[in-house]
Each structure stands twice: as structure tokens, then as C-alpha cells.
Amino acid sequence: MASKMAIIDFNKCHPSEFENGICLAVQACQRKLLAQEAPYQPPMPDPSLCRACGDCLRACPLGAIQISKF
């Protein structure tokens, strides 16, 4: 059975455009499944925990997140 999860398009992801380099999608993920190793770094989803709720997708003003089947 296919699962869904958040996928980051690193060509569109630019945390440097936001205050202190903090990704808005990371802040929007209520389950804290997106993480930035450091400010200004792109976020990484945890594939084992992501439930494809779409909170991060809706929060990203750059359109850098998609929900995809894998």
C-alpha cells in the first residue's frame, strides 16, 4: 500500500528569505516532523512519522512542499 508524505523541493526552498532563517513550514508542523538542523538550512521531513496532514504545505509561501505518494 502506498503511503504519503511531505516532499521538499530544494530548488524552491529558501529559508534565508524569512526572519532569522526559520522555515515557516517547520513552525507550522504541529507534530514537529519537519526539522531544520540550523537556521537558514532547508527542512527535512521524518519519513517514518509524516502523516501528510498538509500543514507544512499550506504554510510554505514558496510552494516548496508537496504531498506525494511513495
PDB file of N, CA and C in Angstrom:
ATOM      1  N   MET A   1       0.841  -1.175   0.000  1.00  0.00           N
ATOM      2  CA  MET A   1       0.000   0.000   0.000  1.00  0.00           C
ATOM      3  C   MET A   1       0.889   1.242   0.000  1.00  0.00           C
ATOM      4  N   ALA A   2       0.544   2.201  -0.838  1.00  0.00           N
ATOM      5  CA  ALA A   2       1.317   3.436  -0.936  1.00  0.00           C
ATOM      6  C   ALA A   2       1.047   4.336   0.267  1.00  0.00           C
ATOM      7  N   SER A   3       2.080   5.004   0.705  1.00  0.00           N
ATOM      8  CA  SER A   3       1.966   5.977   1.789  1.00  0.00           C
ATOM      9  C   SER A   3       2.192   7.362   1.213  1.00  0.00           C
ATOM     10  N   LYS A   4       1.799   8.365   1.965  1.00  0.00           N
ATOM     11  CA  LYS A   4       2.016   9.743   1.550  1.00  0.00           C
ATOM     12  C   LYS A   4       2.903  10.424   2.569  1.00  0.00           C
ATOM     13  N   MET A   5       3.660  11.409   2.081  1.00  0.00           N
ATOM     14  CA  MET A   5       4.484  12.212   2.973  1.00  0.00           C
ATOM     15  C   MET A   5       4.840  13.526   2.298  1.00  0.00           C
ATOM     16  N   ALA A   6       5.320  14.464   3.106  1.00  0.00           N
ATOM     17  CA  ALA A   6       5.761  15.763   2.590  1.00  0.00           C
ATOM     18  C   ALA A   6       7.099  15.598   1.885  1.00  0.00           C
ATOM     19  N   ILE A   7       7.208  16.191   0.722  1.00  0.00           N
ATOM     20  CA  ILE A   7       8.440  16.189  -0.065  1.00  0.00           C
ATOM     21  C   ILE A   7       8.863  17.642  -0.264  1.00  0.00           C
ATOM     22  N   ILE A   8      10.140  17.931  -0.005  1.00  0.00           N
ATOM     23  CA  ILE A   8      10.662  19.290  -0.145  1.00  0.00           C
ATOM     24  C   ILE A   8      11.332  19.446  -1.508  1.00  0.00           C
ATOM     25  N   ASP A   9      10.967  20.482  -2.244  1.00  0.00           N
ATOM     26  CA  ASP A   9      11.645  20.839  -3.495  1.00  0.00           C
ATOM     27  C   ASP A   9      12.750  21.830  -3.128  1.00  0.00           C
ATOM     28  N   PHE A  10      13.971  21.339  -3.051  1.00  0.00           N
ATOM     29  CA  PHE A  10      15.087  22.155  -2.583  1.00  0.00           C
ATOM     30  C   PHE A  10      15.453  23.285  -3.542  1.00  0.00           C
ATOM     31  N   ASN A  11      14.971  23.225  -4.781  1.00  0.00           N
ATOM     32  CA  ASN A  11      15.183  24.328  -5.719  1.00  0.00           C
ATOM     33  C   ASN A  11      14.293  25.527  -5.382  1.00  0.00           C
ATOM     34  N   LYS A  12      13.179  25.264  -4.707  1.00  0.00           N
ATOM     35  CA  LYS A  12      12.251  26.336  -4.324  1.00  0.00           C
ATOM     36  C   LYS A  12      12.403  26.764  -2.871  1.00  0.00           C
ATOM     37  N   CYS A  13      13.033  25.934  -2.061  1.00  0.00           N
ATOM     38  CA  CYS A  13      13.133  26.165  -0.619  1.00  0.00           C
ATOM     39  C   CYS A  13      14.266  27.151  -0.315  1.00  0.00           C
ATOM     40  N   HIS A  14      13.906  28.288   0.275  1.00  0.00           N
ATOM     41  CA  HIS A  14      14.885  29.330   0.598  1.00  0.00           C
ATOM     42  C   HIS A  14      14.594  29.909   1.990  1.00  0.00           C
ATOM     43  N   PRO A  15      14.967  29.198   3.054  1.00  0.00           N
ATOM     44  CA  PRO A  15      14.701  29.706   4.403  1.00  0.00           C
ATOM     45  C   PRO A  15      15.355  31.056   4.670  1.00  0.00           C
ATOM     46  N   SER A  16      16.361  31.403   3.892  1.00  0.00           N
ATOM     47  CA  SER A  16      17.045  32.682   4.090  1.00  0.00           C
ATOM     48  C   SER A  16      16.118  33.870   3.820  1.00  0.00           C
ATOM     49  N   GLU A  17      14.993  33.638   3.168  1.00  0.00           N
ATOM     50  CA  GLU A  17      14.050  34.712   2.878  1.00  0.00           C
ATOM     51  C   GLU A  17      13.174  35.069   4.086  1.00  0.00           C
ATOM     52  N   PHE A  18      13.289  34.299   5.173  1.00  0.00           N
ATOM     53  CA  PHE A  18      12.428  34.502   6.329  1.00  0.00           C
ATOM     54  C   PHE A  18      13.230  34.925   7.551  1.00  0.00           C
ATOM     55  N   GLU A  19      12.542  35.564   8.481  1.00  0.00           N
ATOM     56  CA  GLU A  19      13.175  36.097   9.675  1.00  0.00           C
ATOM     57  C   GLU A  19      14.018  35.035  10.385  1.00  0.00           C
ATOM     58  N   ASN A  20      15.263  35.372  10.598  1.00  0.00           N
ATOM     59  CA  ASN A  20      16.222  34.509  11.285  1.00  0.00           C
ATOM     60  C   ASN A  20      16.451  33.168  10.596  1.00  0.00           C
ATOM     61  N   GLY A  21      16.054  33.046   9.330  1.00  0.00           N
ATOM     62  CA  GLY A  21      16.276  31.813   8.584  1.00  0.00           C
ATOM     63  C   GLY A  21      15.432  30.649   9.040  1.00  0.00           C
ATOM     64  N   ILE A  22      14.332  30.952   9.743  1.00  0.00           N
ATOM     65  CA  ILE A  22      13.466  29.901  10.260  1.00  0.00           C
ATOM     66  C   ILE A  22      12.336  29.637   9.269  1.00  0.00           C
ATOM     67  N   CYS A  23      12.253  28.412   8.831  1.00  0.00           N
ATOM     68  CA  CYS A  23      11.262  27.982   7.856  1.00  0.00           C
ATOM     69  C   CYS A  23       9.853  28.061   8.451  1.00  0.00           C
ATOM     70  N   LEU A  24       8.925  28.677   7.729  1.00  0.00           N
ATOM     71  CA  LEU A  24       7.551  28.791   8.187  1.00  0.00           C
ATOM     72  C   LEU A  24       6.851  27.433   8.250  1.00  0.00           C
ATOM     73  N   ALA A  25       7.222  26.536   7.362  1.00  0.00           N
ATOM     74  CA  ALA A  25       6.626  25.198   7.368  1.00  0.00           C
ATOM     75  C   ALA A  25       7.039  24.419   8.611  1.00  0.00           C
ATOM     76  N   VAL A  26       8.280  24.592   9.049  1.00  0.00           N
ATOM     77  CA  VAL A  26       8.745  23.932  10.276  1.00  0.00           C
ATOM     78  C   VAL A  26       7.920  24.420  11.456  1.00  0.00           C
ATOM     79  N   GLN A  27       7.669  25.701  11.506  1.00  0.00           N
ATOM     80  CA  GLN A  27       6.876  26.269  12.591  1.00  0.00           C
ATOM     81  C   GLN A  27       5.431  25.780  12.553  1.00  0.00           C
ATOM     82  N   ALA A  28       4.912  25.499  11.365  1.00  0.00           N
ATOM     83  CA  ALA A  28       3.519  25.092  11.208  1.00  0.00           C
ATOM     84  C   ALA A  28       3.283  23.612  11.499  1.00  0.00           C
ATOM     85  N   CYS A  29       4.325  22.810  11.468  1.00  0.00           N
ATOM     86  CA  CYS A  29       4.168  21.363  11.682  1.00  0.00           C
ATOM     87  C   CYS A  29       3.895  21.100  13.163  1.00  0.00           C
ATOM     88  N   GLN A  30       2.631  20.864  13.478  1.00  0.00           N
ATOM     89  CA  GLN A  30       2.235  20.659  14.867  1.00  0.00           C
ATOM     90  C   GLN A  30       2.856  19.416  15.485  1.00  0.00           C
ATOM     91  N   ARG A  31       3.168  18.438  14.669  1.00  0.00           N
ATOM     92  CA  ARG A  31       3.769  17.198  15.174  1.00  0.00           C
ATOM     93  C   ARG A  31       5.295  17.279  15.251  1.00  0.00           C
ATOM     94  N   LYS A  32       5.861  18.407  14.790  1.00  0.00           N
ATOM     95  CA  LYS A  32       7.315  18.631  14.798  1.00  0.00           C
ATOM     96  C   LYS A  32       8.055  17.550  14.002  1.00  0.00           C
ATOM     97  N   LEU A  33       7.491  17.212  12.828  1.00  0.00           N
ATOM     98  CA  LEU A  33       8.093  16.194  11.972  1.00  0.00           C
ATOM     99  C   LEU A  33       9.006  16.775  10.912  1.00  0.00           C
ATOM    100  N   LEU A  34       8.969  18.091  10.746  1.00  0.00           N
ATOM    101  CA  LEU A  34       9.925  18.788   9.893  1.00  0.00           C
ATOM    102  C   LEU A  34      10.967  19.387  10.821  1.00  0.00           C
ATOM    103  N   ALA A  35      12.220  19.285  10.436  1.00  0.00           N
ATOM    104  CA  ALA A  35      13.271  19.827  11.294  1.00  0.00           C
ATOM    105  C   ALA A  35      14.326  20.525  10.455  1.00  0.00           C
ATOM    106  N   GLN A  36      14.858  21.603  11.001  1.00  0.00           N
ATOM    107  CA  GLN A  36      15.999  22.300  10.416  1.00  0.00           C
ATOM    108  C   GLN A  36      17.183  22.023  11.324  1.00  0.00           C
ATOM    109  N   GLU A  37      18.293  21.579  10.752  1.00  0.00           N
ATOM    110  CA  GLU A  37      19.491  21.364  11.569  1.00  0.00           C
ATOM    111  C   GLU A  37      20.003  22.675  12.133  1.00  0.00           C
ATOM    112  N   ALA A  38      19.819  23.735  11.379  1.00  0.00           N
ATOM    113  CA  ALA A  38      20.251  25.063  11.805  1.00  0.00           C
ATOM    114  C   ALA A  38      19.449  26.091  11.018  1.00  0.00           C
ATOM    115  N   PRO A  39      19.323  27.320  11.536  1.00  0.00           N
ATOM    116  CA  PRO A  39      18.664  28.363  10.755  1.00  0.00           C
ATOM    117  C   PRO A  39      19.318  28.492   9.378  1.00  0.00           C
ATOM    118  N   TYR A  40      18.533  28.856   8.415  1.00  0.00           N
ATOM    119  CA  TYR A  40      18.954  29.051   7.020  1.00  0.00           C
ATOM    120  C   TYR A  40      19.183  27.735   6.277  1.00  0.00           C
ATOM    121  N   GLN A  41      19.023  26.604   6.935  1.00  0.00           N
ATOM    122  CA  GLN A  41      19.139  25.297   6.289  1.00  0.00           C
ATOM    123  C   GLN A  41      17.736  24.834   5.888  1.00  0.00           C
ATOM    124  N   PRO A  42      17.608  24.113   4.767  1.00  0.00           N
ATOM    125  CA  PRO A  42      16.283  23.618   4.385  1.00  0.00           C
ATOM    126  C   PRO A  42      15.797  22.568   5.388  1.00  0.00           C
ATOM    127  N   PRO A  43      14.497  22.477   5.570  1.00  0.00           N
ATOM    128  CA  PRO A  43      13.958  21.474   6.490  1.00  0.00           C
ATOM    129  C   PRO A  43      13.975  20.084   5.875  1.00  0.00           C
ATOM    130  N   MET A  44      13.912  19.095   6.750  1.00  0.00           N
ATOM    131  CA  MET A  44      13.858  17.702   6.320  1.00  0.00           C
ATOM    132  C   MET A  44      12.692  17.036   7.035  1.00  0.00           C
ATOM    133  N   PRO A  45      11.809  16.359   6.287  1.00  0.00           N
ATOM    134  CA  PRO A  45      10.707  15.641   6.928  1.00  0.00           C
ATOM    135  C   PRO A  45      11.196  14.297   7.465  1.00  0.00           C
ATOM    136  N   ASP A  46      10.537  13.807   8.480  1.00  0.00           N
ATOM    137  CA  ASP A  46      10.832  12.478   9.006  1.00  0.00           C
ATOM    138  C   ASP A  46       9.895  11.504   8.294  1.00  0.00           C
ATOM    139  N   PRO A  47      10.400  10.731   7.333  1.00  0.00           N
ATOM    140  CA  PRO A  47       9.522   9.875   6.525  1.00  0.00           C
ATOM    141  C   PRO A  47       8.825   8.781   7.323  1.00  0.00           C
ATOM    142  N   SER A  48       9.382   8.390   8.443  1.00  0.00           N
ATOM    143  CA  SER A  48       8.743   7.336   9.218  1.00  0.00           C
ATOM    144  C   SER A  48       7.553   7.847  10.027  1.00  0.00           C
ATOM    145  N   LEU A  49       7.451   9.169  10.204  1.00  0.00           N
ATOM    146  CA  LEU A  49       6.395   9.731  11.037  1.00  0.00           C
ATOM    147  C   LEU A  49       5.410  10.637  10.302  1.00  0.00           C
ATOM    148  N   CYS A  50       5.805  11.183   9.156  1.00  0.00           N
ATOM    149  CA  CYS A  50       4.955  12.123   8.423  1.00  0.00           C
ATOM    150  C   CYS A  50       3.638  11.445   8.038  1.00  0.00           C
ATOM    151  N   ARG A  51       2.534  12.132   8.325  1.00  0.00           N
ATOM    152  CA  ARG A  51       1.200  11.621   8.015  1.00  0.00           C
ATOM    153  C   ARG A  51       0.524  12.408   6.892  1.00  0.00           C
ATOM    154  N   ALA A  52       1.285  13.269   6.233  1.00  0.00           N
ATOM    155  CA  ALA A  52       0.786  14.022   5.080  1.00  0.00           C
ATOM    156  C   ALA A  52      -0.445  14.854   5.414  1.00  0.00           C
ATOM    157  N   CYS A  53      -0.434  15.487   6.586  1.00  0.00           N
ATOM    158  CA  CYS A  53      -1.587  16.295   7.002  1.00  0.00           C
ATOM    159  C   CYS A  53      -1.712  17.572   6.170  1.00  0.00           C
ATOM    160  N   GLY A  54      -0.595  18.073   5.616  1.00  0.00           N
ATOM    161  CA  GLY A  54      -0.628  19.252   4.762  1.00  0.00           C
ATOM    162  C   GLY A  54      -0.404  20.575   5.470  1.00  0.00           C
ATOM    163  N   ASP A  55      -0.209  20.568   6.778  1.00  0.00           N
ATOM    164  CA  ASP A  55       0.033  21.830   7.493  1.00  0.00           C
ATOM    165  C   ASP A  55       1.254  22.548   6.927  1.00  0.00           C
ATOM    166  N   CYS A  56       2.325  21.820   6.679  1.00  0.00           N
ATOM    167  CA  CYS A  56       3.549  22.428   6.155  1.00  0.00           C
ATOM    168  C   CYS A  56       3.339  22.949   4.734  1.00  0.00           C
ATOM    169  N   LEU A  57       2.602  22.196   3.932  1.00  0.00           N
ATOM    170  CA  LEU A  57       2.318  22.593   2.555  1.00  0.00           C
ATOM    171  C   LEU A  57       1.588  23.934   2.530  1.00  0.00           C
ATOM    172  N   ARG A  58       0.581  24.080   3.373  1.00  0.00           N
ATOM    173  CA  ARG A  58      -0.195  25.319   3.425  1.00  0.00           C
ATOM    174  C   ARG A  58       0.625  26.482   3.981  1.00  0.00           C
ATOM    175  N   ALA A  59       1.590  26.211   4.837  1.00  0.00           N
ATOM    176  CA  ALA A  59       2.382  27.271   5.466  1.00  0.00           C
ATOM    177  C   ALA A  59       3.515  27.788   4.588  1.00  0.00           C
ATOM    178  N   CYS A  60       3.956  27.010   3.622  1.00  0.00           N
ATOM    179  CA  CYS A  60       5.106  27.405   2.803  1.00  0.00           C
ATOM    180  C   CYS A  60       4.679  28.386   1.706  1.00  0.00           C
ATOM    181  N   PRO A  61       5.062  29.652   1.837  1.00  0.00           N
ATOM    182  CA  PRO A  61       4.671  30.641   0.833  1.00  0.00           C
ATOM    183  C   PRO A  61       5.432  30.488  -0.491  1.00  0.00           C
ATOM    184  N   LEU A  62       6.483  29.677  -0.491  1.00  0.00           N
ATOM    185  CA  LEU A  62       7.284  29.494  -1.694  1.00  0.00           C
ATOM    186  C   LEU A  62       6.825  28.303  -2.540  1.00  0.00           C
ATOM    187  N   GLY A  63       5.874  27.544  -2.037  1.00  0.00           N
ATOM    188  CA  GLY A  63       5.398  26.380  -2.787  1.00  0.00           C
ATOM    189  C   GLY A  63       6.444  25.287  -2.899  1.00  0.00           C
ATOM    190  N   ALA A  64       7.299  25.165  -1.901  1.00  0.00           N
ATOM    191  CA  ALA A  64       8.408  24.219  -1.951  1.00  0.00           C
ATOM    192  C   ALA A  64       8.049  22.845  -1.391  1.00  0.00           C
ATOM    193  N   ILE A  65       6.814  22.659  -0.941  1.00  0.00           N
ATOM    194  CA  ILE A  65       6.418  21.384  -0.348  1.00  0.00           C
ATOM    195  C   ILE A  65       5.248  20.809  -1.106  1.00  0.00           C
ATOM    196  N   GLN A  66       5.328  19.511  -1.353  1.00  0.00           N
ATOM    197  CA  GLN A  66       4.245  18.760  -1.981  1.00  0.00           C
ATOM    198  C   GLN A  66       3.959  17.540  -1.125  1.00  0.00           C
ATOM    199  N   ILE A  67       2.779  17.031  -1.217  1.00  0.00           N
ATOM    200  CA  ILE A  67       2.431  15.761  -0.587  1.00  0.00           C
ATOM    201  C   ILE A  67       2.441  14.739  -1.711  1.00  0.00           C
ATOM    202  N   SER A  68       3.279  13.723  -1.572  1.00  0.00           N
ATOM    203  CA  SER A  68       3.450  12.736  -2.630  1.00  0.00           C
ATOM    204  C   SER A  68       3.316  11.321  -2.094  1.00  0.00           C
ATOM    205  N   LYS A  69       2.924  10.433  -2.978  1.00  0.00           N
ATOM    206  CA  LYS A  69       2.894   9.007  -2.651  1.00  0.00           C
ATOM    207  C   LYS A  69       4.284   8.437  -2.877  1.00  0.00           C
ATOM    208  N   PHE A  70       4.631   7.461  -2.070  1.00  0.00           N
ATOM    209  CA  PHE A  70       5.902   6.753  -2.298  1.00  0.00           C
ATOM    210  C   PHE A  70       5.713   5.293  -2.050  1.00  0.00           C
TER     211      PHE A  70
END
